[in-house]
Amino acid sequence: MLSSVIRPIVLGPNQPRQFYLGGRAIADLRGVAAGAGGDDFRPEDWVGSATPRYGTSEDGLSRLPDGTYLRDALEADPGTWLGPEHFEYFGASPALLVKLLDAGQRLPVHVHPNRSFAFRHLGSRHGKTESWIVLGATGSEPVVYLGWSRDIEAAELSRWVSEQDTMAMLGRLHKLEVAPGDAVLVPAGTPHAIGEGVFAVELQEPTDFSIMLEYKGFDLDPDGSELGLGRDVALQCVRQKAFSAADIDGLRRHNQAAASAQAPAVQEVMPLAANPYFRAQRVLGRGAVRLEASFAVVVVISGEGSLEGDGWSHPVKRGDTLVVPWGSGPVRVTGEVELLRCLPPLPADAKTDDPSA
């Protein structure tokens, strides 16, 4: 039914309402008015999403220009959209969720389950390892919090959550200053938070599983912050072992000179440890690079140019977000443009952490 759809498709905003403030940086990137309808609780734009918000059937799903859910289009013609190798291993799932995330306030401390925990307790082959590629960092102290700085006992963690001891939790997390160009990998099971003023492209596994360690002061239901598992089970997914300074360094990648004249036209963005979960490339429009055919979600960071393939050319500009079917074939990027190309994991890499295999 959809085999003729081979060109990249521009996607409009898809910003389900959240419990925290933000969204102005997303509006600025897209070149639209911020806080449409007076709503400042739209801090996330789910791009190319075939994943609904937890507890819903459709909220968060991306629609194509004709009104079809992307999820339904993938299921109708997975070979064209995803390619035969991807489909054979992952089925009709893109195995990827991409978001624009603009933290208008500090997010609460929370954690996501890994694949093994999700398979055993939530019936999913995917957990929620995620990453942040920083596009903007404003304010006096743009930071993220990532991983315990010392080992934590289970009883200690349970007490912090019960008493909502935010200062204790934040005080035991590594606090990292971030700047545009930085990439940070957040392995599932790692407690973390994003500070006010951080604007990022977030890549993650295709689930909406979050366990909120902190909920006081946010519009969150404490009973709904445990994925229906109960606190004792939910907290079992939290890594209690500390991250050393070397561990943290292994989860970060700096790339401040990403778009300089000396920079390569295609740059791998994420640490190698991200490969079983997702991939990301920063691409500069220099025309000589041929990108292999793949399902991809593209975010245009700056400038304007075009994506070109066999028999087609598609103009792009700053703020565009697109989904590129595998059936588009190899792609070239031309013009004075910089974009992020977000890709699912290769099956060979994903198999290294697949509890259902």
Protein backbone atom coordinates (compact mmCIF):
# COMPACT_ATOMS: atom_id res chain seq x y z
CA MET A 1 0.00 0.00 0.00
CA LEU A 2 2.83 2.42 0.81
CA SER A 3 5.54 1.02 -1.46
CA SER A 4 5.55 4.22 -3.55
CA VAL A 5 6.48 6.35 -0.52
CA ILE A 6 10.24 6.61 -0.87
CA ARG A 7 10.98 10.30 -0.38
CA PRO A 8 11.81 11.76 3.02
CA ILE A 9 8.74 13.18 4.74
CA VAL A 10 8.67 16.38 6.78
CA LEU A 11 6.89 15.94 10.11
CA GLY A 12 5.06 18.68 11.97
CA PRO A 13 5.32 19.34 15.72
CA ASN A 14 4.18 16.53 18.00
CA GLN A 15 4.26 17.87 21.56
CA PRO A 16 2.15 15.94 24.07
CA ARG A 17 1.52 17.82 27.31
CA GLN A 18 3.98 17.02 30.10
CA PHE A 19 4.30 17.66 33.83
CA TYR A 20 7.21 20.09 33.54
CA LEU A 21 7.81 23.44 31.86
CA GLY A 22 9.59 24.05 28.57
CA GLY A 23 9.24 24.33 24.83
CA ARG A 24 10.54 27.78 23.95
CA ALA A 25 13.80 26.48 22.48
CA ILE A 26 11.82 24.02 20.34
CA ALA A 27 9.67 26.88 19.05
CA ASP A 28 12.78 28.92 18.28
CA LEU A 29 14.37 26.04 16.35
CA ARG A 30 11.20 25.53 14.35
CA GLY A 31 10.66 29.28 13.86
CA VAL A 32 7.18 29.34 15.38
CA ALA A 33 5.53 31.14 18.30
CA ALA A 34 6.30 29.65 21.72
CA GLY A 35 3.63 28.55 24.17
CA ALA A 36 0.87 28.09 21.61
CA GLY A 37 -2.47 28.52 23.31
CA GLY A 38 -0.76 29.78 26.45
CA ASP A 39 0.52 26.28 27.27
CA ASP A 40 4.12 26.22 28.51
CA PHE A 41 4.00 22.52 29.37
CA ARG A 42 5.05 21.28 25.92
CA PRO A 43 8.79 20.70 26.51
CA GLU A 44 9.10 17.59 24.32
CA ASP A 45 8.58 17.10 20.59
CA TRP A 46 8.32 13.39 19.77
CA VAL A 47 9.82 13.11 16.28
CA GLY A 48 9.07 10.14 14.07
CA SER A 49 7.38 8.43 17.01
CA ALA A 50 5.76 5.02 16.74
CA THR A 51 5.69 4.88 20.56
CA PRO A 52 2.67 6.12 22.55
CA ARG A 53 3.01 7.65 25.98
CA TYR A 54 2.88 5.14 28.80
CA GLY A 55 -0.68 4.19 29.67
CA THR A 56 -2.16 5.54 26.41
CA SER A 57 -2.79 4.02 23.01
CA GLU A 58 -2.16 7.02 20.74
CA ASP A 59 -0.83 10.07 22.66
CA GLY A 60 2.70 10.79 21.45
CA LEU A 61 2.39 9.02 18.09
CA SER A 62 3.59 10.95 15.03
CA ARG A 63 1.22 11.58 12.15
CA LEU A 64 2.26 11.76 8.52
CA PRO A 65 0.99 14.71 6.43
CA ASP A 66 -2.03 12.69 5.25
CA GLY A 67 -3.08 12.08 8.86
CA THR A 68 -1.92 8.45 9.02
CA TYR A 69 -0.05 7.45 12.15
CA LEU A 70 3.56 6.64 11.33
CA ARG A 71 3.13 3.48 13.41
CA ASP A 72 0.34 2.29 11.10
CA ALA A 73 2.36 3.11 7.98
CA LEU A 74 5.29 1.07 9.27
CA GLU A 75 3.04 -1.90 9.99
CA ALA A 76 1.43 -1.66 6.54
CA ASP A 77 4.71 -1.71 4.60
CA PRO A 78 7.65 -2.47 6.89
CA GLY A 79 9.91 -3.59 4.04
CA THR A 80 9.83 -0.18 2.34
CA TRP A 81 10.03 1.81 5.54
CA LEU A 82 12.53 -0.19 7.56
CA GLY A 83 14.34 -2.54 5.21
CA PRO A 84 14.36 -6.35 5.23
CA GLU A 85 17.25 -6.84 7.67
CA HIS A 86 15.74 -4.49 10.24
CA PHE A 87 12.26 -5.99 9.83
CA GLU A 88 13.53 -9.54 10.23
CA TYR A 89 14.99 -8.74 13.66
CA PHE A 90 12.83 -5.93 15.07
CA GLY A 91 9.56 -6.48 13.24
CA ALA A 92 7.62 -3.35 12.29
CA SER A 93 9.08 -1.31 15.17
CA PRO A 94 11.62 1.39 14.23
CA ALA A 95 13.50 0.37 17.44
CA LEU A 96 14.07 4.07 18.07
CA LEU A 97 12.36 7.10 19.60
CA VAL A 98 13.69 10.62 19.01
CA LYS A 99 12.65 13.74 20.90
CA LEU A 100 13.48 17.40 21.06
CA LEU A 101 13.66 18.19 24.77
CA ASP A 102 13.76 21.71 26.21
CA ALA A 103 14.02 21.76 29.99
CA GLY A 104 12.30 24.93 31.18
CA GLN A 105 12.90 23.74 34.73
CA ARG A 106 15.01 21.04 36.35
CA LEU A 107 13.54 17.61 35.74
CA PRO A 108 13.04 15.29 38.71
CA VAL A 109 15.50 12.53 39.52
CA HIS A 110 14.32 9.40 37.76
CA VAL A 111 15.46 6.15 36.20
CA HIS A 112 14.52 3.86 33.31
CA PRO A 113 14.53 0.04 33.34
CA ASN A 114 17.01 -1.96 31.30
CA ARG A 115 16.00 -4.59 28.76
CA SER A 116 16.26 -7.50 31.16
CA PHE A 117 14.06 -5.79 33.78
CA ALA A 118 11.57 -4.65 31.12
CA PHE A 119 11.37 -8.15 29.65
CA ARG A 120 10.73 -9.77 33.05
CA HIS A 121 8.39 -7.21 34.59
CA LEU A 122 6.87 -5.19 31.73
CA GLY A 123 6.63 -7.66 28.85
CA SER A 124 8.88 -5.61 26.56
CA ARG A 125 12.05 -6.54 24.69
CA HIS A 126 13.10 -2.88 24.95
CA GLY A 127 14.11 -1.00 28.07
CA LYS A 128 14.95 2.68 27.93
CA THR A 129 18.60 3.46 27.51
CA GLU A 130 18.70 7.05 26.26
CA SER A 131 21.11 9.82 25.29
CA TRP A 132 21.22 13.59 25.02
CA ILE A 133 22.85 15.53 22.18
CA VAL A 134 23.01 19.09 23.46
CA LEU A 135 21.87 21.80 21.05
CA GLY A 136 21.63 24.69 23.52
CA ALA A 137 22.57 25.49 27.10
CA THR A 138 21.30 28.69 28.69
CA GLY A 139 21.26 30.19 32.15
CA SER A 140 24.00 30.42 34.76
CA GLU A 141 24.51 26.69 35.26
CA PRO A 142 23.30 24.33 32.49
CA VAL A 143 23.96 20.89 33.96
CA VAL A 144 22.83 17.29 33.93
CA TYR A 145 22.96 14.84 36.81
CA LEU A 146 24.11 11.31 36.03
CA GLY A 147 24.84 8.25 38.17
CA TRP A 148 25.69 7.86 41.85
CA SER A 149 29.06 9.18 42.96
CA ARG A 150 29.24 6.48 45.67
CA ASP A 151 27.62 3.10 46.20
CA ILE A 152 24.07 3.35 47.52
CA GLU A 153 22.33 0.82 49.76
CA ALA A 154 18.83 -0.34 48.85
CA ALA A 155 17.41 0.78 52.22
CA GLU A 156 19.05 4.17 51.83
CA LEU A 157 17.53 4.70 48.40
CA SER A 158 14.11 3.55 49.60
CA ARG A 159 14.28 6.02 52.46
CA TRP A 160 15.21 8.91 50.16
CA VAL A 161 12.25 8.12 47.92
CA SER A 162 9.83 7.69 50.85
CA GLU A 163 10.94 10.96 52.45
CA GLN A 164 11.39 12.71 49.08
CA ASP A 165 14.86 13.78 50.15
CA THR A 166 15.75 15.63 46.95
CA MET A 167 18.93 17.16 48.35
CA ALA A 168 20.29 13.72 49.29
CA MET A 169 19.59 12.32 45.82
CA LEU A 170 20.98 15.27 43.88
CA GLY A 171 23.95 15.49 46.23
CA ARG A 172 24.97 11.89 45.44
CA LEU A 173 24.72 12.26 41.66
CA HIS A 174 27.55 13.36 39.39
CA LYS A 175 26.84 16.94 38.29
CA LEU A 176 28.05 17.66 34.76
CA GLU A 177 28.19 20.99 32.99
CA VAL A 178 27.17 20.63 29.35
CA ALA A 179 27.55 22.77 26.24
CA PRO A 180 26.30 22.62 22.65
CA GLY A 181 27.93 19.74 20.83
CA ASP A 182 28.15 17.49 23.88
CA ALA A 183 26.64 14.00 23.79
CA VAL A 184 25.81 12.09 26.98
CA LEU A 185 24.77 8.44 27.14
CA VAL A 186 22.41 7.42 29.95
CA PRO A 187 22.46 3.63 30.38
CA ALA A 188 19.20 2.15 31.59
CA GLY A 189 19.18 1.77 35.37
CA THR A 190 21.18 4.98 35.87
CA PRO A 191 19.50 7.65 38.05
CA HIS A 192 19.62 11.02 36.31
CA ALA A 193 18.06 14.45 35.87
CA ILE A 194 18.34 17.31 33.37
CA GLY A 195 18.91 20.85 34.57
CA GLU A 196 17.00 23.96 33.57
CA GLY A 197 18.17 25.53 30.33
CA VAL A 198 19.38 22.36 28.60
CA PHE A 199 18.00 21.88 25.09
CA ALA A 200 18.80 18.55 23.47
CA VAL A 201 17.92 15.96 20.89
CA GLU A 202 17.15 12.83 22.88
CA LEU A 203 17.56 9.37 21.38
CA GLN A 204 16.16 6.42 23.27
CA GLU A 205 14.80 2.94 23.01
CA PRO A 206 11.17 2.94 21.84
CA THR A 207 9.38 2.87 25.22
CA ASP A 208 8.01 5.38 27.70
CA PHE A 209 9.08 3.57 30.87
CA SER A 210 10.09 5.95 33.69
CA ILE A 211 10.35 5.35 37.42
CA MET A 212 10.27 8.64 39.29
CA LEU A 213 12.53 8.72 42.33
CA GLU A 214 11.55 12.33 42.90
CA TYR A 215 7.99 13.60 42.51
CA LYS A 216 7.49 16.19 45.25
CA GLY A 217 6.84 19.61 43.73
CA PHE A 218 5.90 18.18 40.34
CA ASP A 219 2.47 17.35 38.96
CA LEU A 220 3.07 13.63 39.40
CA ASP A 221 1.06 10.94 41.12
CA PRO A 222 3.39 9.05 43.49
CA ASP A 223 1.45 5.83 42.89
CA GLY A 224 1.78 6.31 39.15
CA SER A 225 5.54 6.80 39.30
CA GLU A 226 6.36 3.10 39.65
CA LEU A 227 4.93 1.63 36.40
CA GLY A 228 2.37 -0.27 38.46
CA LEU A 229 5.09 -2.45 39.95
CA GLY A 230 5.11 -1.20 43.54
CA ARG A 231 8.10 0.55 45.05
CA ASP A 232 10.04 -2.52 46.17
CA VAL A 233 10.05 -4.03 42.67
CA ALA A 234 10.44 -0.73 40.83
CA LEU A 235 13.56 0.24 42.77
CA GLN A 236 15.21 -3.04 41.83
CA CYS A 237 15.91 -1.54 38.41
CA VAL A 238 18.11 1.22 39.90
CA ARG A 239 21.87 0.73 39.64
CA GLN A 240 23.23 1.06 43.18
CA LYS A 241 26.91 0.89 42.25
CA ALA A 242 28.78 4.17 41.87
CA PHE A 243 30.11 5.49 38.58
CA SER A 244 33.79 6.43 38.75
CA ALA A 245 35.14 9.53 37.03
CA ALA A 246 36.45 7.24 34.29
CA ASP A 247 33.01 5.65 33.93
CA ILE A 248 31.43 9.06 33.48
CA ASP A 249 34.06 10.09 30.93
CA GLY A 250 33.16 6.98 28.94
CA LEU A 251 29.54 8.15 28.73
CA ARG A 252 30.38 11.60 27.33
CA ARG A 253 31.61 12.86 24.00
CA HIS A 254 32.61 16.48 23.36
CA ASN A 255 32.33 17.99 19.89
CA GLN A 256 32.37 21.76 20.15
CA ALA A 257 34.01 22.22 16.73
CA ALA A 258 31.38 20.06 15.02
CA ALA A 259 30.67 22.41 12.11
CA SER A 260 34.15 23.86 11.57
CA ALA A 261 35.72 23.87 8.13
CA GLN A 262 38.10 21.11 9.20
CA ALA A 263 35.40 18.84 10.60
CA PRO A 264 34.54 15.71 8.58
CA ALA A 265 31.27 15.78 6.68
CA VAL A 266 29.91 12.83 8.69
CA GLN A 267 30.70 12.54 12.39
CA GLU A 268 29.67 9.78 14.76
CA VAL A 269 28.13 11.54 17.74
CA MET A 270 27.59 8.94 20.46
CA PRO A 271 30.03 6.88 22.55
CA LEU A 272 30.49 3.34 21.23
CA ALA A 273 28.52 1.96 24.18
CA ALA A 274 25.35 3.40 22.57
CA ASN A 275 25.53 1.10 19.52
CA PRO A 276 23.27 -1.69 20.86
CA TYR A 277 20.50 0.90 21.38
CA PHE A 278 20.79 3.63 18.71
CA ARG A 279 23.23 5.58 16.55
CA ALA A 280 23.58 9.25 15.64
CA GLN A 281 25.54 11.10 12.99
CA ARG A 282 26.17 14.80 12.57
CA VAL A 283 26.14 15.50 8.81
CA LEU A 284 27.39 18.63 7.06
CA GLY A 285 26.13 19.44 3.57
CA ARG A 286 29.24 18.99 1.48
CA GLY A 287 27.71 16.81 -1.22
CA ALA A 288 30.50 14.26 -1.54
CA VAL A 289 29.32 11.85 1.13
CA ARG A 290 26.94 9.03 0.32
CA LEU A 291 24.88 7.89 3.32
CA GLU A 292 23.75 4.27 3.23
CA ALA A 293 20.07 3.45 2.94
CA SER A 294 18.43 3.30 6.36
CA PHE A 295 15.33 4.27 8.22
CA ALA A 296 16.31 7.54 9.87
CA VAL A 297 14.89 10.45 11.82
CA VAL A 298 16.53 13.72 10.80
CA VAL A 299 16.67 17.01 12.73
CA VAL A 300 18.00 20.00 10.78
CA ILE A 301 20.11 22.05 13.18
CA SER A 302 21.17 24.98 11.02
CA GLY A 303 21.24 26.40 7.51
CA GLU A 304 19.43 25.07 4.48
CA GLY A 305 20.14 22.64 1.72
CA SER A 306 18.70 19.43 0.35
CA LEU A 307 18.60 15.67 0.73
CA GLU A 308 19.11 13.93 -2.58
CA GLY A 309 18.61 10.38 -3.76
CA ASP A 310 18.10 8.38 -6.92
CA GLY A 311 15.51 10.38 -8.85
CA TRP A 312 14.49 12.71 -6.02
CA SER A 313 15.61 15.85 -4.18
CA HIS A 314 14.04 17.24 -1.02
CA PRO A 315 14.77 20.77 0.32
CA VAL A 316 15.46 21.12 4.05
CA LYS A 317 16.04 24.06 6.38
CA ARG A 318 16.76 24.79 10.03
CA GLY A 319 14.05 23.42 12.29
CA ASP A 320 12.77 20.77 9.89
CA THR A 321 12.26 17.30 11.27
CA LEU A 322 11.93 14.43 8.83
CA VAL A 323 11.52 10.70 8.66
CA VAL A 324 13.53 8.98 5.92
CA PRO A 325 12.34 5.52 4.81
CA TRP A 326 14.86 2.80 4.00
CA GLY A 327 13.23 2.77 0.57
CA SER A 328 14.59 6.26 -0.12
CA GLY A 329 17.89 4.53 -0.85
CA PRO A 330 21.33 6.09 -0.35
CA VAL A 331 21.16 9.79 0.49
CA ARG A 332 23.44 12.78 -0.17
CA VAL A 333 23.28 16.03 1.80
CA THR A 334 24.06 19.26 -0.06
CA GLY A 335 24.04 22.96 0.77
CA GLU A 336 25.10 25.01 3.80
CA VAL A 337 23.26 22.80 6.24
CA GLU A 338 23.97 20.84 9.41
CA LEU A 339 21.72 18.01 10.55
CA LEU A 340 21.53 15.15 13.00
CA ARG A 341 20.75 11.78 11.49
CA CYS A 342 19.29 9.50 14.16
CA LEU A 343 19.40 5.78 13.40
CA PRO A 344 18.17 2.56 15.00
CA PRO A 345 20.73 0.01 16.14
CA LEU A 346 22.04 -2.54 13.71
CA PRO A 347 20.63 -5.99 14.52
CA ALA A 348 24.12 -7.39 15.08
CA ASP A 349 24.76 -4.75 17.73
CA ALA A 350 21.32 -5.03 19.36
CA LYS A 351 21.77 -8.78 19.84
CA THR A 352 24.51 -8.12 22.40
CA ASP A 353 21.83 -7.01 24.88
CA ASP A 354 18.64 -8.78 23.91
CA PRO A 355 16.94 -10.72 26.71
CA SER A 356 14.44 -12.23 24.29
CA ALA A 357 17.11 -13.82 22.09
